[in-house]
Amino acid sequence: MKVPHQPLNPYTLNTLLERASRGLAELDAFTLIVPDVDLFIQMHITKEANNSSRIEGTQTQMDEAVLKAEQLSPEKRDDWGEVRNYVQAINEAITELDRLPLSNRLLKHTHAILMQGVRGENKTPGEFRISQNWIGGSGLSDAAFIPPHHSEVPELMSDLELFWHNDNINVPELIRIALSHYQFETIHPFLDGNGRIGRLLITLYLVNKGLLRKPSLYLSHFFERNRGSYYDALTRVRQSNDISHWVRFFLNAVIETSGKGKETFQRILALRQEMDSLTISYGKRAENVQILMKNLYRRPAVTANEAADLLGVSHQAASALLKKMVSDGILKEITGYQRNRVFMFFRYLELFSD
């Protein structure tokens, strides 16, 4: 992998690297102590899919991202489809890492899922580009940046894959993935979807290298909130070889995001303890509430029909239970309809809202 020639200043980066590594380790520790952590990881994934897609221009909000397509107005379904594709792409990529190392083959497969049936579906999903692309502007003549010629992409991506797994290169893993993200975005190997795949690459790398046991760190919210600084940091490497500035930005993103992730897990634990105590008051229906709550931790929206199917009870019994949960302040009905009502576990959703 070819990286900018300006050396990293170890004296400047050591403190940031130490803080980022410690924050990441503490975040990872939470995934070991939180019961049923995989339930909550799904909401982390949904938030990442929503934030990463918003950087690319989608307008879906978190309360919409957890709904089903038929529960949204038709004009919102295209953006929603991109977010749900990203959720599926993340989940399948993480599952693949259980049996395969991080690779270009995995990135291509993930890209194919990301682009299926949405904008960009005709731009060779799952394949590296075989034509020139550009970043910014309306075309090559006024582009802000022109990535390498498509004939160079296979070799550059092969070189990047070797960099991920070359144990003879003594580079800390967080520095290595910072460099890899920059390199991926500079190569821009796909015709579309490079931003989303490049940001997902960060989490896949950390899981593959064992720095995270669960996919709990996602930087898209930080990148979106600091979008101008994010693009500026990447541009400074390309224009003036200032790799140190980019790495500092990246490590600060890890530090802040790890801290916010720990806070979210702490709030999840507190909320779950409160909900578990409240569940006891439901007497004979407590077991059904527990089953329903587990489902809501994974996706915090439910209808009476879904609750009835999940619990194996009548629609009337499910509706009565949901009504009780609304009166107890657990759920809110969000449609205002008499039929096809949707109940949201709003206090949980708020933990993942910006």
Protein backbone atom coordinates (compact mmCIF):
# COMPACT_ATOMS: atom_id res chain seq x y z
CA MET A 1 0.00 0.00 0.00
CA LYS A 2 1.34 3.42 -0.93
CA VAL A 3 0.83 6.04 1.76
CA PRO A 4 1.78 9.73 1.80
CA HIS A 5 5.46 10.24 2.47
CA GLN A 6 5.11 12.70 5.36
CA PRO A 7 5.96 10.68 8.52
CA LEU A 8 3.64 10.41 11.48
CA ASN A 9 4.81 12.35 14.53
CA PRO A 10 4.83 9.79 17.37
CA TYR A 11 5.06 12.47 20.05
CA THR A 12 1.89 14.13 18.76
CA LEU A 13 -0.05 10.91 18.25
CA ASN A 14 0.94 8.76 21.22
CA THR A 15 -1.46 10.36 23.68
CA LEU A 16 -4.36 10.24 21.23
CA LEU A 17 -3.58 6.63 20.33
CA GLU A 18 -3.47 5.64 24.00
CA ARG A 19 -6.80 7.33 24.73
CA ALA A 20 -8.42 5.82 21.63
CA SER A 21 -7.16 2.33 22.44
CA ARG A 22 -8.35 2.58 26.04
CA GLY A 23 -11.75 3.91 24.97
CA LEU A 24 -12.18 1.12 22.45
CA ALA A 25 -11.23 -1.53 25.03
CA GLU A 26 -13.68 -0.11 27.57
CA LEU A 27 -16.46 -0.07 24.98
CA ASP A 28 -15.69 -3.66 24.06
CA ALA A 29 -15.83 -4.63 27.76
CA PHE A 30 -19.42 -3.41 27.92
CA THR A 31 -20.43 -5.91 25.24
CA LEU A 32 -19.29 -8.67 27.62
CA ILE A 33 -21.27 -7.48 30.65
CA VAL A 34 -24.53 -6.39 29.00
CA PRO A 35 -27.00 -9.32 29.03
CA ASP A 36 -28.37 -10.30 25.61
CA VAL A 37 -26.06 -7.75 24.03
CA ASP A 38 -26.88 -8.90 20.50
CA LEU A 39 -30.39 -7.48 20.93
CA PHE A 40 -28.93 -4.02 21.46
CA ILE A 41 -26.23 -4.37 18.80
CA GLN A 42 -29.01 -4.43 16.21
CA MET A 43 -30.01 -0.91 17.19
CA HIS A 44 -26.37 0.22 17.00
CA ILE A 45 -26.32 -1.21 13.47
CA THR A 46 -29.57 0.55 12.55
CA LYS A 47 -28.20 3.85 13.82
CA GLU A 48 -24.98 3.40 11.83
CA ALA A 49 -26.92 2.52 8.69
CA ASN A 50 -29.06 5.61 9.12
CA ASN A 51 -26.17 7.99 9.84
CA SER A 52 -23.92 6.63 7.11
CA SER A 53 -26.72 6.85 4.56
CA ARG A 54 -27.55 10.40 5.62
CA ILE A 55 -24.01 11.47 4.74
CA GLU A 56 -24.87 10.34 1.21
CA GLY A 57 -28.09 12.37 1.16
CA THR A 58 -30.88 10.12 2.46
CA GLN A 59 -33.44 11.77 4.75
CA THR A 60 -34.62 8.79 6.83
CA GLN A 61 -34.84 9.43 10.58
CA MET A 62 -34.30 6.83 13.31
CA ASP A 63 -38.00 6.52 14.14
CA GLU A 64 -38.62 5.76 10.45
CA ALA A 65 -35.65 3.40 10.09
CA VAL A 66 -37.15 0.94 12.61
CA LEU A 67 -40.52 0.78 10.83
CA LYS A 68 -41.53 -1.52 7.98
CA ALA A 69 -41.93 -0.24 4.43
CA GLU A 70 -45.72 -0.43 4.47
CA GLN A 71 -45.79 1.76 7.59
CA LEU A 72 -44.14 4.64 5.73
CA SER A 73 -45.54 7.04 3.17
CA PRO A 74 -44.52 6.03 -0.40
CA GLU A 75 -42.22 9.02 -0.92
CA LYS A 76 -40.05 7.93 2.01
CA ARG A 77 -39.57 4.31 0.99
CA ASP A 78 -36.62 4.78 -1.39
CA ASP A 79 -34.44 6.36 1.30
CA TRP A 80 -35.70 3.78 3.80
CA GLY A 81 -34.70 1.00 1.38
CA GLU A 82 -31.11 2.26 1.29
CA VAL A 83 -30.94 2.25 5.09
CA ARG A 84 -32.39 -1.25 5.37
CA ASN A 85 -29.98 -2.53 2.70
CA TYR A 86 -27.14 -1.18 4.78
CA VAL A 87 -28.45 -2.96 7.89
CA GLN A 88 -28.55 -6.21 5.93
CA ALA A 89 -25.09 -5.57 4.48
CA ILE A 90 -23.58 -5.01 7.93
CA ASN A 91 -25.22 -8.07 9.44
CA GLU A 92 -24.14 -10.37 6.61
CA ALA A 93 -20.60 -8.99 6.58
CA ILE A 94 -20.22 -9.52 10.33
CA THR A 95 -21.52 -13.08 9.97
CA GLU A 96 -19.05 -13.74 7.15
CA LEU A 97 -16.17 -12.62 9.39
CA ASP A 98 -16.87 -15.65 11.61
CA ARG A 99 -15.50 -17.88 8.87
CA LEU A 100 -13.49 -15.65 6.52
CA PRO A 101 -10.91 -12.89 7.07
CA LEU A 102 -11.53 -9.37 5.88
CA SER A 103 -11.01 -9.34 2.13
CA ASN A 104 -11.93 -7.59 -1.12
CA ARG A 105 -14.22 -10.51 -1.84
CA LEU A 106 -16.15 -9.70 1.34
CA LEU A 107 -16.31 -6.00 0.48
CA LYS A 108 -17.67 -6.81 -2.99
CA HIS A 109 -20.35 -9.08 -1.55
CA THR A 110 -21.30 -6.42 0.99
CA HIS A 111 -21.46 -3.79 -1.75
CA ALA A 112 -23.80 -5.98 -3.81
CA ILE A 113 -26.23 -6.17 -0.88
CA LEU A 114 -25.95 -2.44 -0.23
CA MET A 115 -26.92 -1.51 -3.79
CA GLN A 116 -29.67 -4.06 -4.47
CA GLY A 117 -32.92 -2.49 -5.65
CA VAL A 118 -31.99 1.13 -4.80
CA ARG A 119 -30.34 4.13 -6.41
CA GLY A 120 -27.08 2.94 -7.92
CA GLU A 121 -28.33 -0.59 -8.60
CA ASN A 122 -27.23 -0.18 -12.24
CA LYS A 123 -23.69 0.83 -11.29
CA THR A 124 -22.17 -2.68 -11.24
CA PRO A 125 -23.07 -3.72 -7.67
CA GLY A 126 -20.50 -6.05 -6.17
CA GLU A 127 -17.82 -5.26 -8.73
CA PHE A 128 -14.92 -2.85 -8.82
CA ARG A 129 -15.45 -0.09 -11.34
CA ILE A 130 -14.32 -0.42 -14.95
CA SER A 131 -14.76 3.27 -15.77
CA GLN A 132 -13.56 6.55 -14.33
CA ASN A 133 -15.43 8.21 -11.46
CA TRP A 134 -14.94 11.48 -9.62
CA ILE A 135 -15.70 13.20 -6.32
CA GLY A 136 -17.50 16.55 -6.24
CA GLY A 137 -18.49 18.63 -9.25
CA SER A 138 -20.64 17.64 -12.19
CA GLY A 139 -17.96 15.76 -14.11
CA LEU A 140 -14.25 15.26 -14.65
CA SER A 141 -13.74 18.87 -15.79
CA ASP A 142 -14.78 20.42 -12.47
CA ALA A 143 -14.28 17.52 -10.05
CA ALA A 144 -12.91 18.23 -6.59
CA PHE A 145 -10.92 14.99 -6.78
CA ILE A 146 -10.38 12.37 -9.48
CA PRO A 147 -9.56 8.88 -8.13
CA PRO A 148 -7.03 6.60 -9.85
CA HIS A 149 -7.78 5.25 -13.31
CA HIS A 150 -10.00 2.19 -13.21
CA SER A 151 -7.24 0.02 -14.68
CA GLU A 152 -5.26 0.57 -11.46
CA VAL A 153 -8.07 -0.34 -9.07
CA PRO A 154 -7.53 -4.14 -8.86
CA GLU A 155 -3.84 -3.78 -8.04
CA LEU A 156 -4.42 -0.96 -5.56
CA MET A 157 -7.15 -2.88 -3.74
CA SER A 158 -5.04 -6.02 -3.71
CA ASP A 159 -2.24 -3.99 -2.18
CA LEU A 160 -4.65 -2.62 0.44
CA GLU A 161 -5.84 -6.12 1.35
CA LEU A 162 -2.25 -7.25 1.84
CA PHE A 163 -1.69 -4.26 4.12
CA TRP A 164 -4.54 -5.37 6.39
CA HIS A 165 -2.92 -8.74 7.03
CA ASN A 166 0.83 -8.05 6.81
CA ASP A 167 2.17 -8.83 10.28
CA ASN A 168 5.64 -7.67 9.27
CA ILE A 169 4.45 -4.06 9.25
CA ASN A 170 4.71 -2.70 12.78
CA VAL A 171 1.82 -0.26 12.76
CA PRO A 172 -0.78 -0.06 15.58
CA GLU A 173 -4.12 -1.41 14.43
CA LEU A 174 -5.98 1.89 14.90
CA ILE A 175 -3.36 3.69 12.81
CA ARG A 176 -3.54 0.94 10.20
CA ILE A 177 -7.31 1.23 9.80
CA ALA A 178 -7.06 5.04 9.72
CA LEU A 179 -4.63 4.73 6.82
CA SER A 180 -6.81 2.06 5.21
CA HIS A 181 -9.93 4.19 5.34
CA TYR A 182 -8.10 7.09 3.72
CA GLN A 183 -6.66 4.77 1.06
CA PHE A 184 -10.01 3.14 0.33
CA GLU A 185 -11.77 6.48 -0.10
CA THR A 186 -8.95 7.73 -2.32
CA ILE A 187 -9.04 4.64 -4.55
CA HIS A 188 -12.87 4.88 -4.66
CA PRO A 189 -13.05 1.35 -6.09
CA PHE A 190 -16.80 1.23 -6.75
CA LEU A 191 -18.90 3.44 -9.02
CA ASP A 192 -21.23 4.22 -6.11
CA GLY A 193 -21.48 3.47 -2.40
CA ASN A 194 -17.79 4.04 -1.61
CA GLY A 195 -18.48 6.24 1.41
CA ARG A 196 -20.75 3.72 3.09
CA ILE A 197 -18.49 0.73 2.38
CA GLY A 198 -15.42 2.71 3.45
CA ARG A 199 -17.00 3.60 6.79
CA LEU A 200 -18.20 0.04 7.32
CA LEU A 201 -14.66 -1.15 6.59
CA ILE A 202 -13.56 0.47 9.86
CA THR A 203 -15.86 -1.67 11.98
CA LEU A 204 -15.19 -4.83 9.99
CA TYR A 205 -11.46 -4.34 10.45
CA LEU A 206 -11.74 -3.84 14.22
CA VAL A 207 -13.89 -6.96 14.57
CA ASN A 208 -11.61 -9.00 12.30
CA LYS A 209 -8.53 -8.02 14.32
CA GLY A 210 -10.19 -8.78 17.66
CA LEU A 211 -10.23 -5.21 18.93
CA LEU A 212 -14.01 -5.53 19.11
CA ARG A 213 -15.82 -8.75 19.93
CA LYS A 214 -19.10 -7.23 18.81
CA PRO A 215 -19.67 -4.58 16.11
CA SER A 216 -20.29 -1.79 18.63
CA LEU A 217 -18.23 1.12 17.25
CA TYR A 218 -19.45 3.15 14.28
CA LEU A 219 -17.93 6.49 13.31
CA SER A 220 -20.52 7.74 10.84
CA HIS A 221 -22.32 9.92 13.39
CA PHE A 222 -19.04 11.71 14.18
CA PHE A 223 -18.19 12.02 10.49
CA GLU A 224 -21.65 13.35 9.66
CA ARG A 225 -21.63 15.88 12.49
CA ASN A 226 -18.14 17.01 11.43
CA ARG A 227 -18.68 16.48 7.73
CA GLY A 228 -16.69 19.50 6.58
CA SER A 229 -13.72 18.59 8.79
CA TYR A 230 -13.93 14.95 7.66
CA TYR A 231 -13.67 15.82 3.97
CA ASP A 232 -11.06 18.48 4.69
CA ALA A 233 -8.86 16.00 6.57
CA LEU A 234 -8.97 13.54 3.66
CA THR A 235 -8.31 16.32 1.15
CA ARG A 236 -5.29 17.59 3.10
CA VAL A 237 -3.63 14.19 2.72
CA ARG A 238 -4.22 14.19 -1.03
CA GLN A 239 -3.11 17.76 -1.59
CA SER A 240 -0.31 18.28 0.95
CA ASN A 241 0.56 14.80 2.27
CA ASP A 242 -0.64 15.80 5.75
CA ILE A 243 -1.36 12.29 7.00
CA SER A 244 -0.87 13.30 10.64
CA HIS A 245 -3.86 15.63 10.53
CA TRP A 246 -6.08 12.86 9.18
CA VAL A 247 -4.91 10.33 11.77
CA ARG A 248 -5.48 12.82 14.60
CA PHE A 249 -9.00 13.45 13.30
CA PHE A 250 -9.64 9.71 13.08
CA LEU A 251 -8.37 8.98 16.60
CA ASN A 252 -10.47 11.79 18.02
CA ALA A 253 -13.46 10.21 16.29
CA VAL A 254 -12.68 6.88 18.00
CA ILE A 255 -12.24 8.56 21.40
CA GLU A 256 -15.51 10.49 21.27
CA THR A 257 -17.55 7.69 19.71
CA SER A 258 -16.26 5.10 22.19
CA GLY A 259 -17.23 7.38 25.06
CA LYS A 260 -20.73 7.93 23.69
CA GLY A 261 -21.07 4.20 23.07
CA LYS A 262 -20.24 3.46 26.72
CA GLU A 263 -22.81 6.02 27.85
CA THR A 264 -25.42 4.39 25.63
CA PHE A 265 -24.75 0.94 27.11
CA GLN A 266 -24.97 2.38 30.64
CA ARG A 267 -28.33 3.93 29.82
CA ILE A 268 -29.50 0.67 28.25
CA LEU A 269 -28.64 -1.19 31.46
CA ALA A 270 -30.47 1.38 33.58
CA LEU A 271 -33.54 1.33 31.33
CA ARG A 272 -33.62 -2.44 31.21
CA GLN A 273 -33.42 -2.66 35.00
CA GLU A 274 -36.34 -0.25 35.25
CA MET A 275 -38.35 -2.22 32.68
CA ASP A 276 -37.61 -5.52 34.41
CA SER A 277 -38.90 -4.12 37.71
CA LEU A 278 -42.04 -2.79 36.03
CA THR A 279 -42.67 -6.12 34.30
CA ILE A 280 -43.20 -7.83 37.66
CA SER A 281 -46.35 -5.74 38.18
CA TYR A 282 -48.00 -7.44 35.18
CA GLY A 283 -48.62 -10.64 37.16
CA LYS A 284 -49.69 -13.47 34.88
CA ARG A 285 -48.87 -11.39 31.82
CA ALA A 286 -45.29 -10.71 32.97
CA GLU A 287 -43.84 -13.52 30.84
CA ASN A 288 -45.51 -12.13 27.72
CA VAL A 289 -44.19 -8.66 28.53
CA GLN A 290 -40.67 -10.07 28.86
CA ILE A 291 -40.94 -11.76 25.46
CA LEU A 292 -42.31 -8.59 23.90
CA MET A 293 -39.62 -6.43 25.49
CA LYS A 294 -36.85 -8.62 24.05
CA ASN A 295 -38.36 -8.10 20.63
CA LEU A 296 -38.59 -4.35 21.23
CA TYR A 297 -34.93 -4.11 22.22
CA ARG A 298 -34.09 -5.48 18.79
CA ARG A 299 -36.63 -3.29 16.92
CA PRO A 300 -38.54 -0.79 19.08
CA ALA A 301 -41.77 -0.75 17.06
CA VAL A 302 -44.61 -3.25 17.12
CA THR A 303 -48.22 -3.63 15.97
CA ALA A 304 -50.99 -5.56 17.69
CA ASN A 305 -50.88 -8.22 14.95
CA GLU A 306 -47.12 -8.64 15.39
CA ALA A 307 -47.50 -8.88 19.16
CA ALA A 308 -50.28 -11.45 18.81
CA ASP A 309 -48.17 -13.62 16.49
CA LEU A 310 -45.10 -13.29 18.68
CA LEU A 311 -46.93 -14.18 21.90
CA GLY A 312 -49.38 -16.70 20.45
CA VAL A 313 -52.42 -14.84 21.82
CA SER A 314 -55.51 -13.29 20.27
CA HIS A 315 -55.46 -9.87 18.66
CA GLN A 316 -57.72 -8.64 21.46
CA ALA A 317 -55.37 -9.87 24.17
CA ALA A 318 -52.35 -8.35 22.41
CA SER A 319 -54.15 -5.02 22.00
CA ALA A 320 -55.08 -4.99 25.69
CA LEU A 321 -51.48 -5.65 26.68
CA LEU A 322 -50.16 -2.89 24.42
CA LYS A 323 -52.77 -0.49 25.80
CA LYS A 324 -51.58 -1.28 29.33
CA MET A 325 -47.96 -0.69 28.30
CA VAL A 326 -48.97 2.68 26.84
CA SER A 327 -50.68 3.68 30.09
CA ASP A 328 -47.56 2.65 32.02
CA GLY A 329 -45.41 4.93 29.85
CA ILE A 330 -43.49 2.11 28.15
CA LEU A 331 -44.94 2.55 24.66
CA LYS A 332 -46.43 5.35 22.58
CA GLU A 333 -48.89 4.93 19.73
CA ILE A 334 -47.43 6.96 16.87
CA THR A 335 -49.98 6.81 14.05
CA GLY A 336 -53.16 8.19 15.64
CA TYR A 337 -55.14 5.62 13.63
CA GLN A 338 -57.86 3.32 14.90
CA ARG A 339 -56.53 0.46 12.78
CA ASN A 340 -52.98 -0.65 11.87
CA ARG A 341 -51.58 1.25 14.83
CA VAL A 342 -47.85 1.21 15.56
CA PHE A 343 -46.52 1.27 19.10
CA MET A 344 -43.03 2.64 19.71
CA PHE A 345 -40.71 1.93 22.64
CA PHE A 346 -39.82 5.61 22.56
CA ARG A 347 -37.57 5.80 25.62
CA TYR A 348 -35.29 3.14 24.12
CA LEU A 349 -35.34 4.73 20.69
CA GLU A 350 -34.26 8.05 22.22
CA LEU A 351 -31.01 6.43 23.37
CA PHE A 352 -30.03 6.08 19.71
CA SER A 353 -31.45 9.33 18.38
CA ASP A 354 -29.16 12.22 17.57
